[in-house]
């Protein structure tokens, strides 16, 4: 069956929708103080709000995303768009702690499922020779949504309160649902849809047998561990004297990484031209050398900004190249492959954040930079090992 062409306007709309979806997973981070005040929460329970959102993300990867491989992906995306709107309205109307926690769980669950489902759907629609560019475009939208979420959330909450953040997001997702409802092309549906239990069992087999996943999954773990070592630790020296940055200023630092998102489509072009290994090597080297200017904190703001741009550019390039390689697999495997890949992402993010803050608290910023550079070197060693084994197998 011939796939319908993926037009540039539809691709742009999918990228915007993916960015708007993922933002809901990160809106809560700047709102913790306000939420703790409004619901009379202590610090431990306030932190559980973020944990609920992340738990929802993991449930999405294990429970919802594999469903894309067993039925009508267009119908699944439509249902998830509507369900996310309902979840955001539920969250905005929260009146007690249990209500709030359930809303955060649903925001993480549906925001993650919709984001990753849109990436897999776009890759499914793309011609093989354009798949890298398409993945790069949609992933660029995700990255911009992720980076903008904290800044937008803090600004809207300052003007109109935290509930307005989720109400505005519900309006945006509703508008996108209306635009996408009739424009989402139909994609082939499996003649014999596998049971959900069979899908989960097959994911274990993919993890053991899929060469691209076994190579790129650990690379994703190291990639996001390195990024989160930086982003989790850097607020500590920035908020301390002599810099004493505000929370808003620290959040705005993330916008420097948008340059990487804007270059994501170009990375996809290089992937389509057969430069996958060059892109991966260049990205890993960027993530290594970025720690040299970052070591200039707190003496030089210019070096800090340069390091952020280089680190996020390398990370974004590697992320796009990883996904583009994985999604060369048959379309009926895309949902499960993305879910497994993002589980590596989740583990790396959590370990990196914990290690970065611990290293900063115990040994200071130079030790954080050494840890980040060490993780980048591990990534280079892992990539080189696979390249050598691949050449030896020929």
Protein backbone atom coordinates (compact mmCIF):
# COMPACT_ATOMS: atom_id res chain seq x y z
CA UNK A 1 0.00 0.00 0.00
CA UNK A 2 1.37 3.40 -1.00
CA UNK A 3 1.82 5.84 1.87
CA UNK A 4 0.30 9.33 1.47
CA UNK A 5 2.88 12.09 0.96
CA UNK A 6 3.95 14.06 4.01
CA UNK A 7 3.59 17.73 3.10
CA UNK A 8 5.70 20.47 4.65
CA UNK A 9 2.68 22.17 6.36
CA UNK A 10 1.61 18.86 7.91
CA UNK A 11 5.17 18.15 9.05
CA UNK A 12 5.32 21.59 10.68
CA UNK A 13 1.99 20.96 12.39
CA UNK A 14 3.21 17.60 13.73
CA UNK A 15 6.37 19.27 15.08
CA UNK A 16 4.31 21.96 16.84
CA UNK A 17 1.95 19.37 18.29
CA UNK A 18 4.86 17.27 19.57
CA UNK A 19 6.43 20.34 21.21
CA UNK A 20 3.13 21.40 22.79
CA UNK A 21 2.59 17.87 24.11
CA UNK A 22 5.98 17.40 25.72
CA UNK A 23 5.75 20.81 27.41
CA UNK A 24 3.04 19.44 29.69
CA UNK A 25 5.56 17.03 31.22
CA UNK A 26 7.79 19.94 32.34
CA UNK A 27 5.38 22.76 33.20
CA UNK A 28 5.31 21.80 36.89
CA UNK A 29 8.99 22.33 37.63
CA UNK A 30 8.88 26.15 38.10
CA UNK A 31 5.47 25.89 39.83
CA UNK A 32 6.47 23.76 42.83
CA UNK A 33 6.68 26.67 45.28
CA UNK A 34 3.24 27.99 44.27
CA UNK A 35 1.69 24.53 44.37
CA UNK A 36 3.23 23.81 47.79
CA UNK A 37 1.75 27.09 49.09
CA UNK A 38 -1.74 26.62 47.61
CA UNK A 39 -2.09 23.01 48.78
CA UNK A 40 -0.16 23.39 52.06
CA UNK A 41 2.41 20.76 51.03
CA UNK A 42 5.74 20.11 52.68
CA UNK A 43 8.87 19.82 50.58
CA UNK A 44 8.75 16.01 50.33
CA UNK A 45 5.19 15.93 49.00
CA UNK A 46 5.89 18.81 46.61
CA UNK A 47 8.72 16.78 45.12
CA UNK A 48 6.29 13.88 44.67
CA UNK A 49 4.41 16.01 42.13
CA UNK A 50 7.40 15.84 39.78
CA UNK A 51 7.80 12.15 40.55
CA UNK A 52 4.15 11.58 39.58
CA UNK A 53 4.73 13.27 36.22
CA UNK A 54 7.81 11.14 35.54
CA UNK A 55 5.96 8.00 36.65
CA UNK A 56 3.29 8.85 34.10
CA UNK A 57 5.98 9.12 31.44
CA UNK A 58 7.33 5.64 32.23
CA UNK A 59 3.80 4.18 32.20
CA UNK A 60 3.26 5.75 28.79
CA UNK A 61 6.37 4.09 27.39
CA UNK A 62 5.42 0.67 28.73
CA UNK A 63 1.65 0.83 28.38
CA UNK A 64 0.45 3.27 25.69
CA UNK A 65 3.22 3.68 23.14
CA UNK A 66 3.41 -0.04 22.18
CA UNK A 67 -0.30 0.16 21.25
CA UNK A 68 0.73 2.15 18.17
CA UNK A 69 2.01 -1.13 16.70
CA UNK A 70 -1.28 -3.00 17.00
CA UNK A 71 -3.97 -0.73 15.55
CA UNK A 72 -4.96 2.46 13.76
CA UNK A 73 -2.28 5.03 14.69
CA UNK A 74 -4.39 7.93 13.45
CA UNK A 75 -7.30 6.98 15.69
CA UNK A 76 -4.95 6.43 18.64
CA UNK A 77 -3.44 9.92 18.20
CA UNK A 78 -6.91 11.48 18.01
CA UNK A 79 -7.98 9.75 21.23
CA UNK A 80 -4.78 10.82 22.98
CA UNK A 81 -5.21 14.45 21.90
CA UNK A 82 -8.71 14.57 23.39
CA UNK A 83 -7.64 12.68 26.51
CA UNK A 84 -4.76 15.12 27.08
CA UNK A 85 -7.18 18.07 26.92
CA UNK A 86 -9.40 16.40 29.53
CA UNK A 87 -6.38 15.65 31.73
CA UNK A 88 -5.19 19.27 31.60
CA UNK A 89 -8.65 20.58 32.52
CA UNK A 90 -8.77 18.04 35.36
CA UNK A 91 -5.38 19.25 36.58
CA UNK A 92 -6.32 22.94 36.36
CA UNK A 93 -9.43 22.25 38.47
CA UNK A 94 -7.56 20.33 41.23
CA UNK A 95 -8.85 21.05 44.73
CA UNK A 96 -6.84 18.65 46.92
CA UNK A 97 -3.50 16.85 46.92
CA UNK A 98 -4.78 13.51 45.60
CA UNK A 99 -6.57 15.31 42.76
CA UNK A 100 -3.40 17.24 41.95
CA UNK A 101 -1.20 14.11 41.99
CA UNK A 102 -3.57 12.24 39.68
CA UNK A 103 -3.57 15.21 37.29
CA UNK A 104 0.23 15.29 37.21
CA UNK A 105 0.32 11.54 36.54
CA UNK A 106 -2.11 11.93 33.63
CA UNK A 107 -0.19 14.91 32.21
CA UNK A 108 3.01 12.87 32.20
CA UNK A 109 1.28 9.78 30.82
CA UNK A 110 -0.58 11.42 27.93
CA UNK A 111 1.98 14.13 27.19
CA UNK A 112 4.73 11.53 26.77
CA UNK A 113 2.60 9.04 24.81
CA UNK A 114 1.40 11.71 22.39
CA UNK A 115 4.87 13.21 21.89
CA UNK A 116 6.59 9.93 21.09
CA UNK A 117 3.60 8.67 19.13
CA UNK A 118 3.78 11.72 16.86
CA UNK A 119 7.49 11.08 16.19
CA UNK A 120 6.82 7.44 15.26
CA UNK A 121 3.79 8.42 13.16
CA UNK A 122 5.76 11.06 11.23
CA UNK A 123 8.57 8.57 10.57
CA UNK A 124 5.96 6.08 9.34
CA UNK A 125 4.61 8.63 6.83
CA UNK A 126 8.04 9.67 5.54
CA UNK A 127 9.68 8.14 2.50
CA UNK A 128 12.81 6.16 3.51
CA UNK A 129 15.13 8.69 1.84
CA UNK A 130 13.54 11.53 3.86
CA UNK A 131 13.07 9.83 7.22
CA UNK A 132 16.07 11.45 8.90
CA UNK A 133 14.91 14.95 7.94
CA UNK A 134 11.37 14.24 9.12
CA UNK A 135 12.51 12.83 12.47
CA UNK A 136 14.85 15.80 12.85
CA UNK A 137 12.04 18.31 12.23
CA UNK A 138 9.61 16.73 14.70
CA UNK A 139 12.34 16.17 17.29
CA UNK A 140 13.32 19.82 16.88
CA UNK A 141 9.75 20.76 17.85
CA UNK A 142 9.99 18.49 20.89
CA UNK A 143 13.26 20.07 21.98
CA UNK A 144 11.92 23.62 21.62
CA UNK A 145 8.80 22.64 23.58
CA UNK A 146 10.91 21.10 26.32
CA UNK A 147 13.22 24.12 26.62
CA UNK A 148 10.40 26.65 26.46
CA UNK A 149 8.11 24.89 28.93
CA UNK A 150 9.81 26.10 32.11
CA UNK A 151 10.11 29.70 30.91
CA UNK A 152 6.51 29.88 29.65
CA UNK A 153 5.17 28.18 32.76
CA UNK A 154 6.95 30.56 35.10
CA UNK A 155 5.91 33.67 33.13
CA UNK A 156 2.22 32.68 32.82
CA UNK A 157 2.02 31.66 36.48
CA UNK A 158 3.53 35.00 37.55
CA UNK A 159 0.82 36.88 35.63
CA UNK A 160 -2.26 34.70 36.05
CA UNK A 161 -1.53 31.86 38.50
CA UNK A 162 -0.52 28.23 38.02
CA UNK A 163 -3.98 27.09 36.90
CA UNK A 164 -3.75 29.38 33.88
CA UNK A 165 -0.71 27.42 32.67
CA UNK A 166 -2.74 24.24 32.25
CA UNK A 167 -5.86 26.03 30.97
CA UNK A 168 -3.86 27.72 28.22
CA UNK A 169 -2.19 24.43 27.37
CA UNK A 170 -5.62 22.75 27.14
CA UNK A 171 -6.73 25.48 24.70
CA UNK A 172 -3.59 25.03 22.61
CA UNK A 173 -3.96 21.23 22.45
CA UNK A 174 -7.65 21.66 21.54
CA UNK A 175 -6.73 23.98 18.67
CA UNK A 176 -4.08 21.54 17.45
CA UNK A 177 -6.54 18.64 17.69
CA UNK A 178 -9.02 20.53 15.51
CA UNK A 179 -6.30 21.27 12.94
CA UNK A 180 -5.00 17.71 12.91
CA UNK A 181 -8.30 15.84 13.10
CA UNK A 182 -8.92 15.67 9.35
CA UNK A 183 -5.35 16.22 8.20
CA UNK A 184 -3.79 13.11 9.75
CA UNK A 185 -3.35 10.64 6.87
CA UNK A 186 -4.39 7.04 7.32
CA UNK A 187 -1.56 4.54 7.74
CA UNK A 188 -1.79 0.77 7.20
CA UNK A 189 -3.24 -1.28 10.05
CA UNK A 190 -1.92 -4.80 10.82
CA UNK A 191 -4.23 -7.47 9.43
CA UNK A 192 -3.92 -9.44 12.68
CA UNK A 193 -3.45 -7.04 15.57
CA UNK A 194 -1.21 -8.61 18.26
CA UNK A 195 -2.40 -8.64 21.86
CA UNK A 196 -0.91 -6.10 24.25
CA UNK A 197 0.79 -8.91 26.21
CA UNK A 198 2.41 -10.16 23.01
CA UNK A 199 3.68 -6.67 22.26
CA UNK A 200 5.34 -6.45 25.66
CA UNK A 201 6.91 -9.90 25.21
CA UNK A 202 8.23 -8.89 21.81
CA UNK A 203 9.85 -5.79 23.36
CA UNK A 204 12.10 -8.06 25.42
CA UNK A 205 13.09 -9.88 22.24
CA UNK A 206 13.82 -6.57 20.49
CA UNK A 207 16.02 -5.51 23.37
CA UNK A 208 18.05 -8.70 23.04
CA UNK A 209 18.13 -9.02 19.26
CA UNK A 210 17.80 -5.60 17.57
CA UNK A 211 21.36 -4.51 16.77
CA UNK A 212 20.52 -0.82 16.34
CA UNK A 213 18.69 -0.72 19.69
CA UNK A 214 21.52 -2.52 21.52
CA UNK A 215 23.98 0.02 20.14
CA UNK A 216 21.92 3.20 20.35
CA UNK A 217 20.02 2.52 23.58
CA UNK A 218 23.11 2.69 25.84
CA UNK A 219 24.31 5.69 23.82
CA UNK A 220 21.00 7.39 24.68
CA UNK A 221 21.51 6.52 28.35
CA UNK A 222 24.97 8.12 28.34
CA UNK A 223 23.77 11.07 26.23
CA UNK A 224 20.99 12.05 28.63
CA UNK A 225 23.06 11.25 31.70
CA UNK A 226 25.63 13.78 30.47
CA UNK A 227 23.04 16.44 29.70
CA UNK A 228 21.32 16.04 33.06
CA UNK A 229 24.60 16.11 34.98
CA UNK A 230 24.87 19.67 33.71
CA UNK A 231 21.23 20.82 33.94
CA UNK A 232 20.65 19.37 37.41
CA UNK A 233 23.89 20.71 38.89
CA UNK A 234 24.21 24.14 37.26
CA UNK A 235 21.42 25.87 39.28
CA UNK A 236 23.51 25.40 42.45
CA UNK A 237 26.55 27.52 41.46
CA UNK A 238 24.37 29.97 39.49
CA UNK A 239 22.11 30.69 42.46
CA UNK A 240 25.02 31.04 44.90
CA UNK A 241 27.26 34.12 45.29
CA UNK A 242 28.89 35.76 43.42
CA UNK A 243 26.32 35.20 40.63
CA UNK A 244 23.11 34.86 42.71
CA UNK A 245 20.88 34.31 39.70
CA UNK A 246 17.12 34.22 40.14
CA UNK A 247 15.06 31.15 39.32
CA UNK A 248 13.77 32.90 36.19
CA UNK A 249 17.31 33.66 35.05
CA UNK A 250 18.40 30.06 35.52
CA UNK A 251 15.35 28.85 33.60
CA UNK A 252 16.06 31.26 30.74
CA UNK A 253 19.54 29.74 30.35
CA UNK A 254 17.87 26.74 28.76
CA UNK A 255 16.78 28.88 25.81
CA UNK A 256 20.41 28.98 24.67
CA UNK A 257 19.97 25.34 23.69
CA UNK A 258 17.32 26.20 21.09
CA UNK A 259 20.14 26.61 18.56
CA UNK A 260 20.56 22.84 18.69
CA UNK A 261 16.87 22.33 18.02
CA UNK A 262 16.97 24.62 14.99
CA UNK A 263 19.82 22.55 13.53
CA UNK A 264 18.03 19.24 14.11
CA UNK A 265 16.54 19.14 10.62
CA UNK A 266 20.02 19.60 9.10
CA UNK A 267 21.23 16.61 11.11
CA UNK A 268 18.35 14.65 9.59
CA UNK A 269 19.47 15.65 6.08
CA UNK A 270 22.95 14.30 6.81
CA UNK A 271 21.45 11.06 8.07
CA UNK A 272 19.46 10.69 4.82
CA UNK A 273 22.67 11.19 2.83
CA UNK A 274 24.34 8.27 4.59
CA UNK A 275 26.51 10.16 7.10
CA UNK A 276 25.11 8.44 10.21
CA UNK A 277 28.46 7.49 11.72
CA UNK A 278 30.06 10.87 11.01
CA UNK A 279 27.11 12.61 12.65
CA UNK A 280 27.38 10.35 15.71
CA UNK A 281 31.13 10.88 16.05
CA UNK A 282 30.82 14.65 15.61
CA UNK A 283 28.01 14.84 18.17
CA UNK A 284 29.97 12.83 20.76
CA UNK A 285 33.04 15.03 20.25
CA UNK A 286 30.92 18.17 20.71
CA UNK A 287 29.54 16.77 23.97
CA UNK A 288 33.10 16.16 25.14
CA UNK A 289 34.67 19.51 24.21
CA UNK A 290 31.67 21.43 25.60
CA UNK A 291 32.91 20.79 29.14
CA UNK A 292 36.05 22.90 28.55
CA UNK A 293 34.19 26.24 28.29
CA UNK A 294 31.69 25.12 30.94
CA UNK A 295 34.63 24.81 33.34
CA UNK A 296 34.83 28.64 33.19
CA UNK A 297 31.78 28.97 35.47
CA UNK A 298 31.42 31.26 37.46
CA UNK A 299 34.16 33.49 36.05
CA UNK A 300 32.83 33.85 32.48
CA UNK A 301 29.21 34.11 31.37
CA UNK A 302 30.29 34.03 27.71
CA UNK A 303 32.06 30.69 28.20
CA UNK A 304 28.99 29.34 30.00
CA UNK A 305 26.71 30.26 27.08
CA UNK A 306 29.17 28.80 24.57
CA UNK A 307 29.35 25.56 26.52
CA UNK A 308 25.54 25.30 26.75
CA UNK A 309 25.15 25.78 22.99
CA UNK A 310 27.85 23.21 22.15
CA UNK A 311 26.59 20.66 24.71
CA UNK A 312 22.96 20.87 23.59
CA UNK A 313 23.93 20.90 19.92
CA UNK A 314 25.91 17.69 20.35
CA UNK A 315 23.16 16.10 22.41
CA UNK A 316 20.43 17.03 19.96
CA UNK A 317 22.45 15.80 16.96
CA UNK A 318 23.11 12.44 18.63
CA UNK A 319 19.47 12.07 19.71
CA UNK A 320 18.19 12.70 16.18
CA UNK A 321 20.75 10.33 14.65
CA UNK A 322 19.82 7.62 17.17
CA UNK A 323 16.11 7.87 16.41
CA UNK A 324 16.61 8.10 12.65
CA UNK A 325 18.64 4.86 12.71
CA UNK A 326 16.10 3.04 14.90
CA UNK A 327 13.17 4.11 12.74
CA UNK A 328 14.70 2.52 9.65
CA UNK A 329 13.11 -0.66 11.00
CA UNK A 330 9.71 -1.84 9.63
CA UNK A 331 6.90 0.59 10.49
CA UNK A 332 5.01 -1.98 12.57
CA UNK A 333 7.89 -1.92 15.11
CA UNK A 334 8.23 1.85 15.50
CA UNK A 335 6.08 2.28 18.60
CA UNK A 336 7.91 -0.40 20.58
CA UNK A 337 11.36 0.70 19.41
CA UNK A 338 10.72 4.31 20.44
CA UNK A 339 9.34 3.13 23.79
CA UNK A 340 12.44 1.02 24.50
CA UNK A 341 14.79 3.78 23.38
CA UNK A 342 13.07 6.31 25.62
CA UNK A 343 13.36 3.96 28.59
CA UNK A 344 17.14 4.24 28.19
CA UNK A 345 16.60 8.02 28.08
CA UNK A 346 14.60 7.95 31.33
CA UNK A 347 17.23 5.90 33.19
CA UNK A 348 20.07 8.11 31.94
CA UNK A 349 18.23 11.30 32.85
CA UNK A 350 17.53 10.13 36.40
CA UNK A 351 21.03 8.82 37.05
CA UNK A 352 22.66 11.92 35.54
CA UNK A 353 20.54 14.34 37.58
CA UNK A 354 21.26 12.52 40.84
CA UNK A 355 24.99 12.21 40.10
CA UNK A 356 25.34 15.84 39.00
CA UNK A 357 23.75 17.36 42.10
CA UNK A 358 25.66 14.98 44.40
CA UNK A 359 28.97 15.80 42.74
CA UNK A 360 28.33 19.54 42.94
CA UNK A 361 27.35 19.36 46.63
CA UNK A 362 30.35 17.22 47.60
CA UNK A 363 33.19 18.34 45.34
CA UNK A 364 32.16 21.47 43.44
CA UNK A 365 31.81 22.54 39.83
CA UNK A 366 35.18 21.26 38.46
CA UNK A 367 34.21 17.75 39.59
CA UNK A 368 30.86 18.09 37.80
CA UNK A 369 32.69 19.00 34.58
CA UNK A 370 35.05 16.06 35.02
CA UNK A 371 32.05 13.74 35.47
CA UNK A 372 30.34 15.11 32.37
CA UNK A 373 33.50 14.76 30.27
CA UNK A 374 33.97 11.22 31.58
CA UNK A 375 30.46 10.26 30.48
CA UNK A 376 31.16 11.71 27.01
CA UNK A 377 34.35 9.63 26.82
CA UNK A 378 32.36 6.52 27.75
CA UNK A 379 29.97 7.34 24.91
CA UNK A 380 32.86 7.66 22.47
CA UNK A 381 34.30 4.35 23.66
CA UNK A 382 30.93 2.61 23.28
CA UNK A 383 30.47 4.01 19.75
CA UNK A 384 34.02 3.04 18.75
CA UNK A 385 33.58 -0.50 20.09
CA UNK A 386 30.51 -1.02 17.93
CA UNK A 387 32.26 0.44 14.88
CA UNK A 388 35.22 -1.91 15.34
CA UNK A 389 32.96 -4.95 15.86
CA UNK A 390 30.95 -4.04 12.77
CA UNK A 391 34.09 -3.83 10.62
CA UNK A 392 35.41 -7.10 12.03
CA UNK A 393 32.13 -8.84 11.14
CA UNK A 394 32.42 -7.89 7.46
